[in-house]
Amino acid sequence: MLSKTHRLLSLTSAMLVASTALAAAEPSAELIAAAKKEGTLTTIALPHNWCGYGDVIAGFKAKYGLEVNELNPDAGSGDEIEAIKANKGNTGPQAPDVIDVGLSFGPSAKADGLIQPYKVSTWDSIPDSAKDADGFWYGDYYGVLSFVVNTDIVKDVPKDWADLKKSDYANSIALAGDPRASNQAVQAVYAAGLAAGETDATKAGTAGLSYFGELNKAGNLVPVIGKSASLAQGSTPIVVAWDYNGLSWRDSLNGNPPVEVVVPTTGVVAGVYVQAISAFAPHPNAAKLWMEYLYSDEGQLGWLKGYCHPIRFNDLAKNNKIPKEMLDKLPPAAAYEKAVFPTLDEQAAGKTEITGKWDGVVGANVQ
C-alpha cells in the first residue's frame, strides 16, 4: 500500500451523519442501461492490494456486467491528472473515465476544467467537509495516524501520545518517514501537537516539535524510518503510521510477531483521497455508475475490507451497516469519531513549521 502513501493529504472538520433513506438509494434504471450500452469503464492508478480495490472492481463487474479497463495501477495522482490532459480529444482505451487522487488534486483539477460534476445518490451522507459543493470531487476513504505496536516486545501498549514519553518505551518509537520530507511523518508531528491542546496549525506544529524533542532527549525516539520489517525485528517496536498501513502489516506478519494497531485517544489526524469523473470521459455513464457503486453501502464496505475507512464510515457504523467480523479486525469505531481533518491551508502551515524547524528543535536525523 506504500505506493500511494505519498499522495495522502488531509481535509477539513468533523464527519456528518446522513439519513438512512439516502444511504440506501440506488442508481436509476436509465443510468444502468446507459452505462451498459457504453460497456466499459476505464480506471487508472488502482492497485488491487490498495484499499481492497481488487474485490471492489470485481464486485462492480459482477453487479453490472461492464468491462473494466485498468490503466497503470501504480501511477500517482499527478500521473492521473496528466493522463486526462493528454487524452482530451481521445476516446480510446488510454483515456481515463475516473480518477482517485489526493485531496489537493480535486480543487486544482476543477479549476483547470479537467473534471465534471456528478452527485451520487448517497450525496447527503458524504460529509460537507469532504466534498465540493457543486459535485466536482468528493472524499472516498481516509486513514488516521495510529500506533503500530509489536506486542511481543511491548507488553504495556500505549493508548495516547502522552504515554509515549514513559521510560518503558526507551529506544522503541519510530516515525514511518522523515518529518523533513514525508507527509505521513509531518502529520504525525502535527497530531502530537493537537494532542497537546493546540488548534492553530502553526502552534500545533510548534507543540508537535516540542513533543518529539522531548521524546528524542529521553531516548525514546529511534531515528530510523519505521517499516513492517523493523517492527517485526524489534528495532522499532512502536511505529507511528497510517492505520491502514499498520493493519496491513499486522495481517502480513500473521501473528509473528503479534501486532496491535491503536488509534490514540487524542490528536487523531486523518488524511483523505477524493474521487472525480474526467470532463472528457469516453464512458460518462459508466463513470457515474462506478461512482454510484463506490458510494453505495457495498462499495464503501469494500474499501473498509481493505482497511481504508470509507468516507461514509460514521454513517454506516451508526446505522449498524458494518458486519461484526469486519469491525473486529479494526480499532474500535468510536476511536474514529474524534478524527480531525486539517484543511490544506492548515496542513501547509503545519508542514512549514515542522519541516523547517525539525533539525533545530528535535535534532534527530531520521533516515
Protein backbone atom coordinates (compact mmCIF):
# COMPACT_ATOMS: atom_id res chain seq x y z
CA MET A 1 0.00 0.00 0.00
CA LEU A 2 3.01 2.30 0.23
CA SER A 3 2.80 3.20 -3.47
CA LYS A 4 0.07 5.72 -2.76
CA THR A 5 1.06 6.86 0.74
CA HIS A 6 2.86 9.97 -0.53
CA ARG A 7 -0.41 11.07 -2.09
CA LEU A 8 -2.30 11.11 1.19
CA LEU A 9 -3.37 14.61 2.07
CA SER A 10 -5.69 15.99 4.68
CA LEU A 11 -9.14 17.54 4.78
CA THR A 12 -11.38 19.59 6.99
CA SER A 13 -13.57 19.27 10.09
CA ALA A 14 -15.82 16.61 11.59
CA MET A 15 -17.92 13.96 9.95
CA LEU A 16 -21.64 14.47 9.49
CA VAL A 17 -24.34 11.84 9.67
CA ALA A 18 -26.88 11.33 6.91
CA SER A 19 -30.26 9.77 6.52
CA THR A 20 -30.57 6.02 6.18
CA ALA A 21 -33.02 6.51 3.32
CA LEU A 22 -30.46 8.33 1.21
CA ALA A 23 -27.71 5.89 2.18
CA ALA A 24 -29.85 3.07 0.80
CA ALA A 25 -30.52 4.83 -2.55
CA GLU A 26 -29.85 3.02 -5.82
CA PRO A 27 -28.81 4.32 -9.25
CA SER A 28 -31.63 4.80 -11.75
CA ALA A 29 -32.55 2.14 -14.29
CA GLU A 30 -31.84 4.72 -17.02
CA LEU A 31 -28.27 5.23 -15.80
CA ILE A 32 -27.64 1.49 -15.57
CA ALA A 33 -28.95 0.99 -19.11
CA ALA A 34 -26.86 3.85 -20.50
CA ALA A 35 -23.73 2.54 -18.78
CA LYS A 36 -24.31 -0.98 -20.09
CA LYS A 37 -24.69 0.44 -23.59
CA GLU A 38 -21.22 2.01 -23.23
CA GLY A 39 -19.98 -1.36 -21.98
CA THR A 40 -16.64 -0.32 -20.49
CA LEU A 41 -15.18 1.76 -17.66
CA THR A 42 -11.56 2.95 -17.80
CA THR A 43 -9.83 3.40 -14.45
CA ILE A 44 -6.28 4.44 -13.57
CA ALA A 45 -3.95 4.05 -10.57
CA LEU A 46 -5.98 1.41 -8.73
CA PRO A 47 -3.64 -1.36 -7.49
CA HIS A 48 -5.65 -4.39 -6.39
CA ASN A 49 -3.95 -4.54 -2.98
CA TRP A 50 -4.73 -0.89 -2.19
CA CYS A 51 -7.87 -0.37 -0.09
CA GLY A 52 -9.38 -3.64 -1.33
CA TYR A 53 -9.68 -2.34 -4.89
CA GLY A 54 -9.26 -5.81 -6.40
CA ASP A 55 -12.51 -7.01 -4.82
CA VAL A 56 -14.22 -3.65 -5.38
CA ILE A 57 -13.55 -3.80 -9.13
CA ALA A 58 -14.66 -7.44 -9.26
CA GLY A 59 -17.85 -6.56 -7.40
CA PHE A 60 -18.68 -3.76 -9.84
CA LYS A 61 -18.12 -6.00 -12.84
CA ALA A 62 -20.23 -8.79 -11.35
CA LYS A 63 -23.10 -6.47 -10.43
CA TYR A 64 -23.41 -4.55 -13.68
CA GLY A 65 -21.67 -6.69 -16.30
CA LEU A 66 -19.35 -3.93 -17.54
CA GLU A 67 -15.74 -4.44 -18.54
CA VAL A 68 -13.11 -2.50 -16.59
CA ASN A 69 -10.05 -1.31 -18.48
CA GLU A 70 -7.37 -0.75 -15.82
CA LEU A 71 -4.60 1.70 -16.73
CA ASN A 72 -1.25 1.93 -14.92
CA PRO A 73 -2.19 0.60 -11.44
CA ASP A 74 0.96 2.04 -9.83
CA ALA A 75 0.51 5.60 -11.08
CA GLY A 76 0.37 8.57 -8.70
CA SER A 77 -2.11 11.44 -8.52
CA GLY A 78 -0.03 13.65 -10.80
CA ASP A 79 0.08 10.88 -13.40
CA GLU A 80 -3.70 10.60 -13.33
CA ILE A 81 -4.13 14.30 -13.98
CA GLU A 82 -1.61 14.18 -16.82
CA ALA A 83 -3.48 11.22 -18.34
CA ILE A 84 -6.65 13.34 -18.51
CA LYS A 85 -4.75 16.25 -20.08
CA ALA A 86 -3.01 14.02 -22.62
CA ASN A 87 -6.25 12.40 -23.76
CA LYS A 88 -8.65 15.34 -24.01
CA GLY A 89 -9.54 14.51 -27.61
CA ASN A 90 -9.06 10.76 -27.34
CA THR A 91 -11.97 8.39 -26.81
CA GLY A 92 -9.75 5.31 -26.95
CA PRO A 93 -8.56 2.96 -24.20
CA GLN A 94 -5.85 5.31 -22.87
CA ALA A 95 -8.33 7.95 -21.72
CA PRO A 96 -9.36 7.52 -18.06
CA ASP A 97 -13.02 7.96 -17.16
CA VAL A 98 -12.41 8.37 -13.43
CA ILE A 99 -9.63 9.28 -11.02
CA ASP A 100 -8.79 8.60 -7.35
CA VAL A 101 -6.38 11.30 -6.17
CA GLY A 102 -5.00 13.11 -3.15
CA LEU A 103 -7.20 15.93 -1.88
CA SER A 104 -5.23 18.84 -3.31
CA PHE A 105 -5.71 17.50 -6.83
CA GLY A 106 -9.51 17.80 -6.60
CA PRO A 107 -9.75 21.61 -6.39
CA SER A 108 -6.90 22.13 -8.87
CA ALA A 109 -8.45 19.72 -11.42
CA LYS A 110 -11.76 21.57 -11.08
CA ALA A 111 -10.05 24.93 -11.61
CA ASP A 112 -8.33 23.57 -14.73
CA GLY A 113 -11.60 22.25 -16.20
CA LEU A 114 -10.44 18.63 -16.12
CA ILE A 115 -13.35 17.09 -14.17
CA GLN A 116 -17.13 17.19 -14.39
CA PRO A 117 -19.79 17.38 -11.67
CA TYR A 118 -21.92 14.45 -10.57
CA LYS A 119 -23.74 13.94 -7.30
CA VAL A 120 -24.25 10.29 -6.32
CA SER A 121 -27.50 9.02 -4.79
CA THR A 122 -25.87 8.94 -1.33
CA TRP A 123 -24.62 12.53 -1.67
CA ASP A 124 -26.16 13.74 1.59
CA SER A 125 -24.37 11.02 3.56
CA ILE A 126 -20.96 12.35 2.44
CA PRO A 127 -19.78 14.98 4.94
CA ASP A 128 -19.96 18.54 3.62
CA SER A 129 -16.35 18.95 4.71
CA ALA A 130 -15.34 16.14 2.35
CA LYS A 131 -16.86 17.24 -0.93
CA ASP A 132 -17.03 20.04 -3.46
CA ALA A 133 -20.41 21.75 -3.06
CA ASP A 134 -21.04 21.53 -6.81
CA GLY A 135 -20.17 17.82 -7.03
CA PHE A 136 -16.89 18.05 -8.95
CA TRP A 137 -14.98 15.92 -6.40
CA TYR A 138 -15.77 14.10 -3.16
CA GLY A 139 -13.83 12.27 -0.48
CA ASP A 140 -13.76 8.49 -0.82
CA TYR A 141 -11.72 7.00 2.05
CA TYR A 142 -9.29 8.03 4.73
CA GLY A 143 -6.76 6.80 7.27
CA VAL A 144 -5.74 8.10 10.70
CA LEU A 145 -2.36 8.24 12.40
CA SER A 146 -2.01 5.32 14.79
CA PHE A 147 0.48 3.46 16.98
CA VAL A 148 1.51 0.15 15.41
CA VAL A 149 2.83 -1.98 18.27
CA ASN A 150 4.82 -5.23 18.40
CA THR A 151 3.16 -6.77 21.46
CA ASP A 152 5.79 -9.49 21.73
CA ILE A 153 8.13 -6.77 22.97
CA VAL A 154 5.77 -4.06 24.24
CA LYS A 155 3.54 -5.52 26.94
CA ASP A 156 2.05 -2.23 28.16
CA VAL A 157 0.52 -0.93 24.94
CA PRO A 158 0.40 2.91 24.72
CA LYS A 159 -3.07 4.43 24.38
CA ASP A 160 -2.28 8.09 23.80
CA TRP A 161 0.54 10.44 22.79
CA ALA A 162 1.41 11.27 26.38
CA ASP A 163 2.07 7.58 27.07
CA LEU A 164 4.94 7.50 24.59
CA LYS A 165 7.02 9.67 26.94
CA LYS A 166 7.24 6.85 29.52
CA SER A 167 10.68 5.41 30.21
CA ASP A 168 9.20 1.97 29.41
CA TYR A 169 9.48 2.93 25.73
CA ALA A 170 13.19 3.74 25.58
CA ASN A 171 14.66 3.07 22.10
CA SER A 172 11.24 1.96 20.88
CA ILE A 173 9.41 4.63 18.89
CA ALA A 174 9.83 5.42 15.19
CA LEU A 175 8.04 7.51 12.60
CA ALA A 176 7.09 5.96 9.26
CA GLY A 177 9.03 8.62 7.39
CA ASP A 178 11.41 11.55 7.67
CA PRO A 179 9.48 14.60 9.02
CA ARG A 180 11.55 16.84 6.78
CA ALA A 181 10.11 15.15 3.69
CA SER A 182 7.32 12.66 4.44
CA ASN A 183 3.69 13.79 4.70
CA GLN A 184 2.89 10.78 6.88
CA ALA A 185 5.60 11.81 9.36
CA VAL A 186 4.70 15.50 9.22
CA GLN A 187 1.11 14.66 10.06
CA ALA A 188 2.28 12.53 13.00
CA VAL A 189 4.14 15.51 14.45
CA TYR A 190 1.10 17.70 13.81
CA ALA A 191 -1.13 15.15 15.57
CA ALA A 192 1.10 15.21 18.64
CA GLY A 193 0.70 19.00 18.67
CA LEU A 194 -3.09 18.73 18.54
CA ALA A 195 -2.94 16.23 21.40
CA ALA A 196 -1.12 18.89 23.41
CA GLY A 197 -4.20 21.08 23.09
CA GLU A 198 -3.23 23.40 20.24
CA THR A 199 -5.73 24.15 17.47
CA ASP A 200 -3.90 26.78 15.43
CA ALA A 201 -1.94 24.97 12.71
CA THR A 202 1.39 26.73 13.25
CA LYS A 203 1.13 26.40 17.02
CA ALA A 204 0.22 22.72 16.66
CA GLY A 205 3.36 22.27 14.55
CA THR A 206 5.43 24.01 17.23
CA ALA A 207 3.89 21.91 20.00
CA GLY A 208 4.48 18.73 18.00
CA LEU A 209 8.13 19.61 17.52
CA SER A 210 8.49 20.25 21.25
CA TYR A 211 6.88 16.87 21.96
CA PHE A 212 9.23 14.97 19.66
CA GLY A 213 12.14 16.94 21.03
CA GLU A 214 11.26 15.55 24.47
CA LEU A 215 10.94 12.01 23.06
CA ASN A 216 14.36 12.30 21.44
CA LYS A 217 16.02 13.77 24.53
CA ALA A 218 14.54 10.98 26.66
CA GLY A 219 15.98 8.36 24.28
CA ASN A 220 12.58 7.01 23.26
CA LEU A 221 12.72 8.11 19.61
CA VAL A 222 14.61 5.81 17.25
CA PRO A 223 15.99 7.87 14.30
CA VAL A 224 15.11 5.40 11.54
CA ILE A 225 12.11 5.14 9.23
CA GLY A 226 9.81 2.56 10.79
CA LYS A 227 8.57 -0.20 8.49
CA SER A 228 6.99 -3.63 8.75
CA ALA A 229 10.43 -5.27 8.89
CA SER A 230 11.80 -3.06 11.67
CA LEU A 231 8.55 -3.51 13.59
CA ALA A 232 8.84 -7.30 13.34
CA GLN A 233 12.57 -7.38 14.12
CA GLY A 234 12.04 -5.27 17.23
CA SER A 235 14.37 -2.43 16.31
CA THR A 236 11.29 -0.15 16.21
CA PRO A 237 8.61 -1.98 18.23
CA ILE A 238 6.31 1.06 18.07
CA VAL A 239 5.78 2.81 14.72
CA VAL A 240 3.56 5.86 14.22
CA ALA A 241 1.89 5.24 10.85
CA TRP A 242 -1.40 5.45 8.96
CA ASP A 243 -3.78 2.86 10.40
CA TYR A 244 -4.31 1.07 7.08
CA ASN A 245 -0.55 0.54 6.73
CA GLY A 246 -0.39 -0.83 10.29
CA LEU A 247 -3.35 -3.14 9.75
CA SER A 248 -1.84 -4.41 6.51
CA TRP A 249 1.49 -5.06 8.28
CA ARG A 250 -0.38 -6.90 11.03
CA ASP A 251 -2.02 -9.21 8.52
CA SER A 252 1.14 -9.82 6.52
CA LEU A 253 3.10 -10.70 9.68
CA ASN A 254 0.28 -13.11 10.60
CA GLY A 255 1.00 -13.24 14.33
CA ASN A 256 4.78 -13.47 14.00
CA PRO A 257 5.07 -11.22 15.90
CA PRO A 258 1.58 -10.23 17.12
CA VAL A 259 0.77 -6.60 16.29
CA GLU A 260 -1.80 -4.22 17.74
CA VAL A 261 -2.92 -1.05 15.96
CA VAL A 262 -4.03 1.69 18.36
CA VAL A 263 -5.82 4.92 17.44
CA PRO A 264 -4.71 7.42 20.10
CA THR A 265 -7.28 8.88 22.48
CA THR A 266 -6.41 12.45 21.43
CA GLY A 267 -4.73 14.05 18.45
CA VAL A 268 -6.46 11.83 15.86
CA VAL A 269 -5.43 13.23 12.47
CA ALA A 270 -6.96 11.89 9.26
CA GLY A 271 -5.83 12.01 5.63
CA VAL A 272 -8.22 11.52 2.72
CA TYR A 273 -8.40 10.82 -1.02
CA VAL A 274 -11.04 12.07 -3.46
CA GLN A 275 -12.89 10.70 -6.49
CA ALA A 276 -13.79 12.58 -9.66
CA ILE A 277 -15.02 11.97 -13.21
CA SER A 278 -12.93 13.22 -16.14
CA ALA A 279 -14.50 16.11 -18.03
CA PHE A 280 -13.54 14.19 -21.18
CA ALA A 281 -14.64 10.70 -20.06
CA PRO A 282 -15.29 8.45 -23.08
CA HIS A 283 -17.77 6.49 -20.94
CA PRO A 284 -19.52 9.15 -18.82
CA ASN A 285 -22.46 6.97 -17.83
CA ALA A 286 -20.21 4.06 -16.83
CA ALA A 287 -18.22 6.59 -14.79
CA LYS A 288 -21.36 7.77 -12.99
CA LEU A 289 -22.43 4.19 -12.33
CA TRP A 290 -18.96 3.46 -10.91
CA MET A 291 -19.38 6.39 -8.53
CA GLU A 292 -22.81 5.11 -7.51
CA TYR A 293 -21.25 1.74 -6.73
CA LEU A 294 -18.33 3.18 -4.77
CA TYR A 295 -20.61 5.29 -2.59
CA SER A 296 -23.18 2.57 -2.02
CA ASP A 297 -23.02 0.58 1.21
CA GLU A 298 -21.49 -2.31 -0.76
CA GLY A 299 -18.72 -0.21 -2.28
CA GLN A 300 -17.93 1.57 0.97
CA LEU A 301 -17.64 -1.74 2.81
CA GLY A 302 -15.34 -2.98 0.04
CA TRP A 303 -12.85 -0.23 0.90
CA LEU A 304 -13.23 -0.94 4.59
CA LYS A 305 -12.40 -4.58 3.96
CA GLY A 306 -9.10 -3.25 2.59
CA TYR A 307 -8.64 -1.23 5.84
CA CYS A 308 -9.30 2.18 4.31
CA HIS A 309 -12.09 3.92 6.22
CA PRO A 310 -14.80 4.89 3.72
CA ILE A 311 -15.96 8.48 3.87
CA ARG A 312 -19.42 7.28 4.99
CA PHE A 313 -17.90 5.20 7.83
CA ASN A 314 -19.57 7.00 10.72
CA ASP A 315 -22.93 6.85 8.95
CA LEU A 316 -22.54 3.11 8.28
CA ALA A 317 -21.43 2.45 11.87
CA LYS A 318 -24.30 4.39 13.44
CA ASN A 319 -26.79 2.52 11.27
CA ASN A 320 -25.27 -0.91 12.04
CA LYS A 321 -24.33 -1.49 8.41
CA ILE A 322 -20.84 -2.83 9.15
CA PRO A 323 -20.54 -6.61 9.71
CA LYS A 324 -19.19 -7.56 13.11
CA GLU A 325 -16.38 -9.66 11.66
CA MET A 326 -15.17 -6.61 9.75
CA LEU A 327 -15.31 -4.34 12.79
CA ASP A 328 -13.46 -6.95 14.83
CA LYS A 329 -10.43 -6.54 12.55
CA LEU A 330 -10.33 -2.78 13.13
CA PRO A 331 -9.69 -0.45 16.05
CA PRO A 332 -12.99 0.47 17.78
CA ALA A 333 -15.33 2.57 15.61
CA ALA A 334 -15.64 5.12 18.42
CA ALA A 335 -11.94 5.91 18.10
CA TYR A 336 -12.58 7.45 14.68
CA GLU A 337 -15.29 9.81 15.87
CA LYS A 338 -12.60 12.21 17.10
CA ALA A 339 -10.81 12.32 13.75
CA VAL A 340 -9.67 15.81 12.71
CA PHE A 341 -9.37 16.62 9.00
CA PRO A 342 -7.00 19.59 8.64
CA THR A 343 -7.64 21.88 5.69
CA LEU A 344 -5.00 22.25 3.00
CA ASP A 345 -4.11 25.68 4.42
CA GLU A 346 -3.74 24.20 7.90
CA GLN A 347 -1.65 21.36 6.56
CA ALA A 348 0.61 23.78 4.69
CA ALA A 349 1.12 25.95 7.78
CA GLY A 350 1.91 22.95 9.96
CA LYS A 351 4.24 21.47 7.36
CA THR A 352 6.22 24.70 7.01
CA GLU A 353 6.74 24.89 10.76
CA ILE A 354 7.62 21.20 11.16
CA THR A 355 9.93 20.68 8.17
CA GLY A 356 11.71 23.99 8.70
CA LYS A 357 12.42 23.57 12.41
CA TRP A 358 12.76 19.79 12.91
CA ASP A 359 16.56 19.85 12.84
CA GLY A 360 16.83 22.76 15.23
CA VAL A 361 14.18 21.64 17.74
CA VAL A 362 14.31 17.84 17.60
CA GLY A 363 17.71 17.17 16.07
CA ALA A 364 17.01 13.55 15.09
CA ASN A 365 18.27 12.61 11.62
CA VAL A 366 15.50 10.19 10.64
CA GLN A 367 16.58 8.00 7.72
